[in-house]
Amino acid sequence: MNIDLVRCWYGRCVWLYLLAPVSLLFRLLVWFRRLGYRQGLFKSHAVPVPVIVVGNISVGGTGKTPLILWLADTLRQAGYRPGIISRGYGGAGGGIHGIHGDTSPEMGGDEPVLLARRSACPVWTGKSRVSTARALLKHCPDVNVLLSDDGLQHYALARDMEIVLVDGARGHGNGWLMPVGPLREPLSRLKQVQVVVIHGPGQSAGDFGIPCFRMALQPGRFYNLKHKERVVGEEAFQGRTIAAVAGIGHPERFFHMLESLGISCTCHPFPDHHPFRPSDLPPGTVLMTEKDAVKCEGFDREDIWVLSVDAQVEDGLQTMIVNTLKRNHGQQAS
């Protein structure tokens, strides 16, 4: 996604409103498609296990990958055996594939590869969520709950629970649907989901009228990209200027986190899912996100460092999820 366009969505770019007719047409198409599924014109397909969809109604990163990792760990602690399905955005593999920690991000996509490495769950990607879910369950029959990454608008897959992530700082931008604004669906869609998770401060939980939980990203460890056993603290980067690189949906969030750790940075934002090349990286010591790092592991540099992050979610969401699964499917954990 073009960085300048994203900034316009969350800023004041009057020229965008020249595209208002296109946005209104998009709104009509979204409404008709949603109505078609509600009226049975289009069919939703259930799979034999509960499905939890994690998504958003806006374009761009809101922190879904850390939240899915938290959900996978939470479900495992509750006795479930989760699996993860994803569209695999950015991958060129095509078809339906199981993703492993050593899968090339060019083939499987950056986020699925990161999910496979950190979740210890089966991760499968494919264009059709239904077919991908069925393939995962066929090859991993012990899985008894599925997490669908960014599948909110994929209504063909029936779901037990919809969790929508909202950026607390940026909110919903100018409130318009694409291309005038960042929304994939109207704000009224939030009244139809079960849970809203607000990432970071800024947005009021009372704005939604449904259960809301706060999420924050906690910095983890800094490790060297080429020698992952080399781990340092933030003090290793303090007192000098470091180049910070981020090709995620909201690069400023990563830059602000580094600043909060006392690290002075020159900021180098890139579009989400950017296919990094060695020439993209500035000289000197570089800090980057884990999502970006999976695409840079073949670079012959000793001075690239990666900051891992972990989601911290407000108490209560785990209980709500487990109660929903028990209510809809009985005791699934073991």
Protein backbone atom coordinates (compact mmCIF):
# COMPACT_ATOMS: atom_id res chain seq x y z
CA MET A 1 0.00 0.00 0.00
CA ASN A 2 1.36 3.41 -1.01
CA ILE A 3 2.63 5.28 2.06
CA ASP A 4 1.52 8.69 0.77
CA LEU A 5 -2.03 7.43 0.18
CA VAL A 6 -2.18 5.97 3.68
CA ARG A 7 -1.06 9.31 5.14
CA CYS A 8 -3.83 11.05 3.19
CA TRP A 9 -6.43 8.66 4.61
CA TYR A 10 -5.39 9.64 8.11
CA GLY A 11 -4.69 13.27 7.31
CA ARG A 12 -6.36 16.06 5.32
CA CYS A 13 -6.04 15.51 1.58
CA VAL A 14 -8.95 17.26 -0.10
CA TRP A 15 -8.19 15.80 -3.52
CA LEU A 16 -9.25 12.34 -2.30
CA TYR A 17 -12.89 13.40 -2.35
CA LEU A 18 -12.74 13.55 -6.14
CA LEU A 19 -12.92 9.76 -5.82
CA ALA A 20 -16.14 9.88 -3.79
CA PRO A 21 -18.29 8.29 -6.56
CA VAL A 22 -15.96 5.29 -6.63
CA SER A 23 -16.14 5.01 -2.84
CA LEU A 24 -19.94 5.11 -2.92
CA LEU A 25 -20.01 2.39 -5.56
CA PHE A 26 -17.66 0.30 -3.43
CA ARG A 27 -19.98 0.79 -0.44
CA LEU A 28 -22.91 -0.46 -2.53
CA LEU A 29 -20.98 -3.55 -3.62
CA VAL A 30 -19.93 -4.29 -0.03
CA TRP A 31 -23.54 -3.93 1.13
CA PHE A 32 -24.88 -6.21 -1.61
CA ARG A 33 -22.27 -8.89 -0.95
CA ARG A 34 -22.98 -8.85 2.78
CA LEU A 35 -26.73 -9.00 2.12
CA GLY A 36 -26.22 -11.88 -0.28
CA TYR A 37 -24.64 -14.00 2.43
CA ARG A 38 -27.25 -13.02 5.01
CA GLN A 39 -30.11 -13.91 2.65
CA GLY A 40 -28.56 -17.17 1.49
CA LEU A 41 -27.78 -16.05 -2.08
CA PHE A 42 -24.16 -16.92 -1.35
CA LYS A 43 -23.32 -19.88 0.85
CA SER A 44 -21.13 -19.98 3.94
CA HIS A 45 -19.41 -23.29 4.59
CA ALA A 46 -18.76 -24.67 8.06
CA VAL A 47 -15.81 -26.85 8.98
CA PRO A 48 -15.82 -29.47 11.76
CA VAL A 49 -14.00 -27.31 14.32
CA PRO A 50 -14.64 -23.83 15.79
CA VAL A 51 -13.35 -20.88 13.76
CA ILE A 52 -12.18 -17.57 15.22
CA VAL A 53 -11.67 -14.82 12.65
CA VAL A 54 -9.19 -12.05 13.43
CA GLY A 55 -9.41 -9.06 11.12
CA ASN A 56 -10.16 -5.40 10.72
CA ILE A 57 -12.46 -3.19 8.71
CA SER A 58 -9.64 -0.96 7.52
CA VAL A 59 -6.68 -1.42 5.20
CA GLY A 60 -3.24 -1.58 6.74
CA GLY A 61 -1.60 -3.17 9.72
CA THR A 62 -3.23 -2.94 13.11
CA GLY A 63 -1.21 -5.62 14.90
CA LYS A 64 -3.03 -8.79 13.83
CA THR A 65 0.07 -10.99 13.80
CA PRO A 66 1.02 -10.37 17.47
CA LEU A 67 -2.65 -10.80 18.46
CA ILE A 68 -2.91 -14.13 16.62
CA LEU A 69 0.26 -15.32 18.34
CA TRP A 70 -1.28 -14.33 21.68
CA LEU A 71 -4.52 -16.13 20.80
CA ALA A 72 -2.68 -19.28 19.76
CA ASP A 73 -0.77 -19.33 23.04
CA THR A 74 -3.92 -18.55 25.04
CA LEU A 75 -5.88 -21.35 23.37
CA ARG A 76 -3.03 -23.79 23.94
CA GLN A 77 -2.93 -22.87 27.62
CA ALA A 78 -6.67 -23.59 27.77
CA GLY A 79 -6.05 -27.08 26.40
CA TYR A 80 -6.89 -26.50 22.74
CA ARG A 81 -4.79 -27.43 19.70
CA PRO A 82 -5.04 -24.43 17.36
CA GLY A 83 -4.23 -24.14 13.69
CA ILE A 84 -3.86 -20.96 11.65
CA ILE A 85 -5.07 -20.20 8.12
CA SER A 86 -4.07 -17.14 6.11
CA ARG A 87 -4.37 -15.63 2.66
CA GLY A 88 -0.58 -15.53 2.53
CA TYR A 89 -0.36 -11.99 1.24
CA GLY A 90 2.96 -11.29 -0.43
CA GLY A 91 3.69 -14.92 -1.22
CA ALA A 92 4.01 -16.18 -4.78
CA GLY A 93 3.33 -19.84 -4.08
CA GLY A 94 -0.26 -20.00 -5.28
CA GLY A 95 -2.58 -22.85 -4.40
CA ILE A 96 -2.83 -24.22 -0.86
CA HIS A 97 0.33 -24.82 1.15
CA GLY A 98 1.47 -25.74 4.60
CA ILE A 99 3.91 -23.11 5.86
CA HIS A 100 6.92 -23.98 7.99
CA GLY A 101 9.57 -21.94 9.72
CA ASP A 102 12.01 -22.53 6.87
CA THR A 103 9.53 -21.71 4.10
CA SER A 104 10.73 -18.88 1.89
CA PRO A 105 8.75 -15.68 2.58
CA GLU A 106 8.73 -15.10 -1.19
CA MET A 107 6.76 -18.34 -1.46
CA GLY A 108 4.63 -18.30 1.68
CA GLY A 109 4.35 -14.61 2.61
CA ASP A 110 6.12 -12.77 5.42
CA GLU A 111 3.37 -12.97 8.04
CA PRO A 112 2.59 -16.72 7.61
CA VAL A 113 6.28 -17.59 7.89
CA LEU A 114 6.57 -15.53 11.07
CA LEU A 115 3.40 -17.16 12.45
CA ALA A 116 4.79 -20.62 11.69
CA ARG A 117 8.05 -19.82 13.47
CA ARG A 118 6.60 -18.32 16.61
CA SER A 119 3.23 -20.02 17.12
CA ALA A 120 4.28 -23.69 17.09
CA CYS A 121 0.96 -24.26 15.27
CA PRO A 122 0.17 -25.66 11.83
CA VAL A 123 -0.06 -22.72 9.43
CA TRP A 124 -1.64 -23.09 6.00
CA THR A 125 -2.20 -20.49 3.28
CA GLY A 126 -4.50 -20.30 0.28
CA LYS A 127 -6.81 -17.94 -1.55
CA SER A 128 -9.94 -19.83 -0.49
CA ARG A 129 -10.33 -19.83 3.30
CA VAL A 130 -12.72 -22.78 3.15
CA SER A 131 -10.41 -24.96 1.05
CA THR A 132 -7.40 -23.94 3.12
CA ALA A 133 -9.19 -24.80 6.37
CA ARG A 134 -10.22 -28.20 5.03
CA ALA A 135 -6.70 -28.93 3.83
CA LEU A 136 -5.20 -28.03 7.20
CA LEU A 137 -7.69 -30.23 9.06
CA LYS A 138 -7.08 -33.12 6.67
CA HIS A 139 -3.33 -33.02 7.21
CA CYS A 140 -3.50 -32.07 10.91
CA PRO A 141 -6.51 -33.98 12.30
CA ASP A 142 -5.56 -33.20 15.91
CA VAL A 143 -6.31 -29.48 15.41
CA ASN A 144 -9.57 -28.60 17.16
CA VAL A 145 -9.84 -24.83 16.67
CA LEU A 146 -8.87 -22.57 13.76
CA LEU A 147 -7.65 -18.99 13.77
CA SER A 148 -8.28 -17.17 10.49
CA ASP A 149 -5.79 -14.39 9.88
CA ASP A 150 -7.41 -11.32 8.30
CA GLY A 151 -10.52 -13.22 7.21
CA LEU A 152 -13.25 -10.82 8.32
CA GLN A 153 -14.53 -10.17 4.79
CA HIS A 154 -14.24 -13.82 3.68
CA TYR A 155 -17.84 -14.75 4.47
CA ALA A 156 -17.67 -18.08 2.65
CA LEU A 157 -16.06 -19.52 5.78
CA ALA A 158 -18.54 -19.81 8.64
CA ARG A 159 -17.21 -18.58 11.95
CA ASP A 160 -17.98 -18.82 15.65
CA MET A 161 -16.37 -15.54 16.65
CA GLU A 162 -15.19 -12.37 14.96
CA ILE A 163 -12.47 -10.31 16.63
CA VAL A 164 -11.80 -6.92 15.06
CA LEU A 165 -8.58 -5.05 15.76
CA VAL A 166 -8.70 -1.25 15.80
CA ASP A 167 -5.71 1.08 15.82
CA GLY A 168 -6.24 3.20 18.92
CA ALA A 169 -4.12 6.10 17.68
CA ARG A 170 -5.30 6.29 14.06
CA GLY A 171 -8.86 5.08 14.53
CA HIS A 172 -10.71 4.79 11.21
CA GLY A 173 -9.04 7.66 9.42
CA ASN A 174 -11.45 9.94 7.58
CA GLY A 175 -14.27 7.39 7.96
CA TRP A 176 -14.67 6.77 4.23
CA LEU A 177 -14.53 3.48 2.36
CA MET A 178 -11.80 2.88 -0.20
CA PRO A 179 -10.40 4.57 -2.19
CA VAL A 180 -11.31 7.83 -0.42
CA GLY A 181 -10.57 6.34 2.99
CA PRO A 182 -9.04 3.24 4.56
CA LEU A 183 -12.26 1.34 5.31
CA ARG A 184 -13.05 -2.03 3.76
CA GLU A 185 -16.52 -2.03 5.30
CA PRO A 186 -18.72 0.64 6.90
CA LEU A 187 -18.29 1.39 10.60
CA SER A 188 -21.71 -0.21 11.20
CA ARG A 189 -20.01 -3.57 10.62
CA LEU A 190 -18.48 -3.27 14.08
CA LYS A 191 -21.93 -3.72 15.63
CA GLN A 192 -22.06 -7.23 14.15
CA VAL A 193 -18.82 -8.63 15.58
CA GLN A 194 -18.34 -10.17 19.02
CA VAL A 195 -15.17 -8.41 20.19
CA VAL A 196 -13.16 -5.29 19.42
CA VAL A 197 -9.51 -5.21 20.46
CA ILE A 198 -8.08 -1.69 20.63
CA HIS A 199 -4.37 -1.57 19.90
CA GLY A 200 -2.77 1.19 21.91
CA PRO A 201 -4.20 4.31 23.55
CA GLY A 202 -6.46 6.88 21.96
CA GLN A 203 -9.71 5.19 21.02
CA SER A 204 -12.39 4.97 23.71
CA ALA A 205 -13.81 1.54 24.48
CA GLY A 206 -17.22 3.16 24.90
CA ASP A 207 -17.30 4.09 21.22
CA PHE A 208 -18.31 0.60 20.12
CA GLY A 209 -21.09 -0.68 22.36
CA ILE A 210 -19.74 -4.25 22.41
CA PRO A 211 -17.06 -5.97 24.51
CA CYS A 212 -13.71 -4.21 24.03
CA PHE A 213 -10.25 -5.11 25.27
CA ARG A 214 -7.02 -3.16 25.18
CA MET A 215 -3.87 -4.54 23.58
CA ALA A 216 -0.32 -3.24 23.79
CA LEU A 217 2.88 -4.48 22.19
CA GLN A 218 5.70 -5.16 24.60
CA PRO A 219 9.27 -5.07 23.28
CA GLY A 220 11.00 -8.41 23.59
CA ARG A 221 14.63 -9.08 22.72
CA PHE A 222 17.06 -7.65 20.21
CA TYR A 223 18.81 -10.38 18.25
CA ASN A 224 21.25 -10.30 15.37
CA LEU A 225 19.71 -11.32 12.05
CA LYS A 226 22.71 -13.32 10.87
CA HIS A 227 23.64 -14.76 14.27
CA LYS A 228 20.35 -15.23 16.12
CA GLU A 229 22.09 -16.51 19.23
CA ARG A 230 23.52 -13.01 19.75
CA VAL A 231 21.03 -11.19 21.98
CA VAL A 232 21.49 -7.72 23.46
CA GLY A 233 19.48 -5.17 25.40
CA GLU A 234 18.41 -1.71 24.31
CA GLU A 235 21.49 -0.21 25.97
CA ALA A 236 23.57 -1.60 23.10
CA PHE A 237 21.95 0.97 20.78
CA GLN A 238 21.63 3.94 23.09
CA GLY A 239 23.91 6.95 22.76
CA ARG A 240 24.21 6.74 18.98
CA THR A 241 21.97 7.18 15.98
CA ILE A 242 20.60 3.96 14.50
CA ALA A 243 18.79 3.40 11.21
CA ALA A 244 15.29 2.01 11.87
CA VAL A 245 13.59 0.21 8.98
CA ALA A 246 9.93 -0.87 8.92
CA GLY A 247 7.80 -2.21 6.08
CA ILE A 248 4.62 -2.73 8.10
CA GLY A 249 1.15 -1.23 8.05
CA HIS A 250 2.00 1.50 10.58
CA PRO A 251 5.79 2.00 10.58
CA GLU A 252 5.58 4.89 13.04
CA ARG A 253 4.52 2.48 15.76
CA PHE A 254 7.85 0.66 15.50
CA PHE A 255 9.80 3.91 15.43
CA HIS A 256 7.98 5.22 18.52
CA MET A 257 8.70 1.97 20.37
CA LEU A 258 12.41 2.37 19.72
CA GLU A 259 12.27 5.97 20.90
CA SER A 260 10.52 4.85 24.09
CA LEU A 261 13.48 2.56 24.73
CA GLY A 262 15.85 5.52 24.52
CA ILE A 263 17.14 4.68 21.05
CA SER A 264 17.72 7.60 18.69
CA CYS A 265 16.74 6.64 15.14
CA THR A 266 16.71 7.82 11.58
CA CYS A 267 13.40 6.45 10.28
CA HIS A 268 13.09 4.57 6.99
CA PRO A 269 9.44 3.60 6.38
CA PHE A 270 8.47 1.25 3.54
CA PRO A 271 5.10 0.03 2.27
CA ASP A 272 3.53 -2.93 4.04
CA HIS A 273 4.89 -6.30 2.80
CA HIS A 274 7.74 -4.54 0.96
CA PRO A 275 10.03 -7.09 -0.79
CA PHE A 276 13.33 -5.89 0.64
CA ARG A 277 16.56 -5.92 -1.34
CA PRO A 278 20.03 -5.27 0.14
CA SER A 279 20.11 -1.87 -1.56
CA ASP A 280 17.00 -0.82 0.39
CA LEU A 281 18.84 -0.85 3.68
CA PRO A 282 20.91 2.16 4.77
CA PRO A 283 24.55 1.76 5.81
CA GLY A 284 25.48 1.31 9.45
CA THR A 285 23.60 -0.48 12.19
CA VAL A 286 20.00 -1.28 11.22
CA LEU A 287 17.06 -2.17 13.48
CA MET A 288 13.97 -3.81 11.98
CA THR A 289 10.81 -5.73 12.84
CA GLU A 290 10.56 -9.51 12.84
CA LYS A 291 8.09 -9.38 9.96
CA ASP A 292 10.65 -7.53 7.83
CA ALA A 293 13.53 -9.66 9.05
CA VAL A 294 12.18 -12.91 7.55
CA LYS A 295 12.67 -11.31 4.10
CA CYS A 296 16.23 -10.17 4.80
CA GLU A 297 17.85 -13.28 6.23
CA GLY A 298 19.93 -13.92 3.13
CA PHE A 299 21.58 -10.49 3.25
CA ASP A 300 25.31 -10.64 3.85
CA ARG A 301 25.48 -8.11 6.68
CA GLU A 302 26.54 -8.41 10.29
CA ASP A 303 24.93 -5.18 11.51
CA ILE A 304 21.21 -5.93 11.16
CA TRP A 305 19.34 -6.36 14.42
CA VAL A 306 15.75 -7.45 15.00
CA LEU A 307 13.34 -6.49 17.78
CA SER A 308 10.73 -9.09 18.70
CA VAL A 309 7.44 -7.97 20.23
CA ASP A 310 4.69 -9.69 22.20
CA ALA A 311 1.06 -8.73 22.58
CA GLN A 312 -0.26 -7.98 26.04
CA VAL A 313 -4.07 -8.15 26.13
CA GLU A 314 -6.40 -6.92 28.82
CA ASP A 315 -7.81 -9.61 31.15
CA GLY A 316 -11.12 -11.12 30.22
CA LEU A 317 -10.74 -11.92 26.53
CA GLN A 318 -9.41 -15.43 27.17
CA THR A 319 -12.43 -16.28 29.33
CA MET A 320 -14.83 -14.87 26.74
CA ILE A 321 -13.24 -16.92 23.94
CA VAL A 322 -13.23 -20.18 25.87
CA ASN A 323 -16.85 -19.67 26.99
CA THR A 324 -17.91 -19.03 23.40
CA LEU A 325 -16.22 -22.19 22.16
CA LYS A 326 -17.77 -24.29 24.92
CA ARG A 327 -21.20 -22.79 24.31
CA ASN A 328 -21.08 -23.41 20.55
CA HIS A 329 -19.24 -26.73 20.46
CA GLY A 330 -19.17 -28.20 23.92
CA GLN A 331 -15.91 -29.12 25.62
CA GLN A 332 -13.34 -29.12 22.79
CA ALA A 333 -10.16 -28.76 24.78
CA SER A 334 -8.20 -31.75 25.93
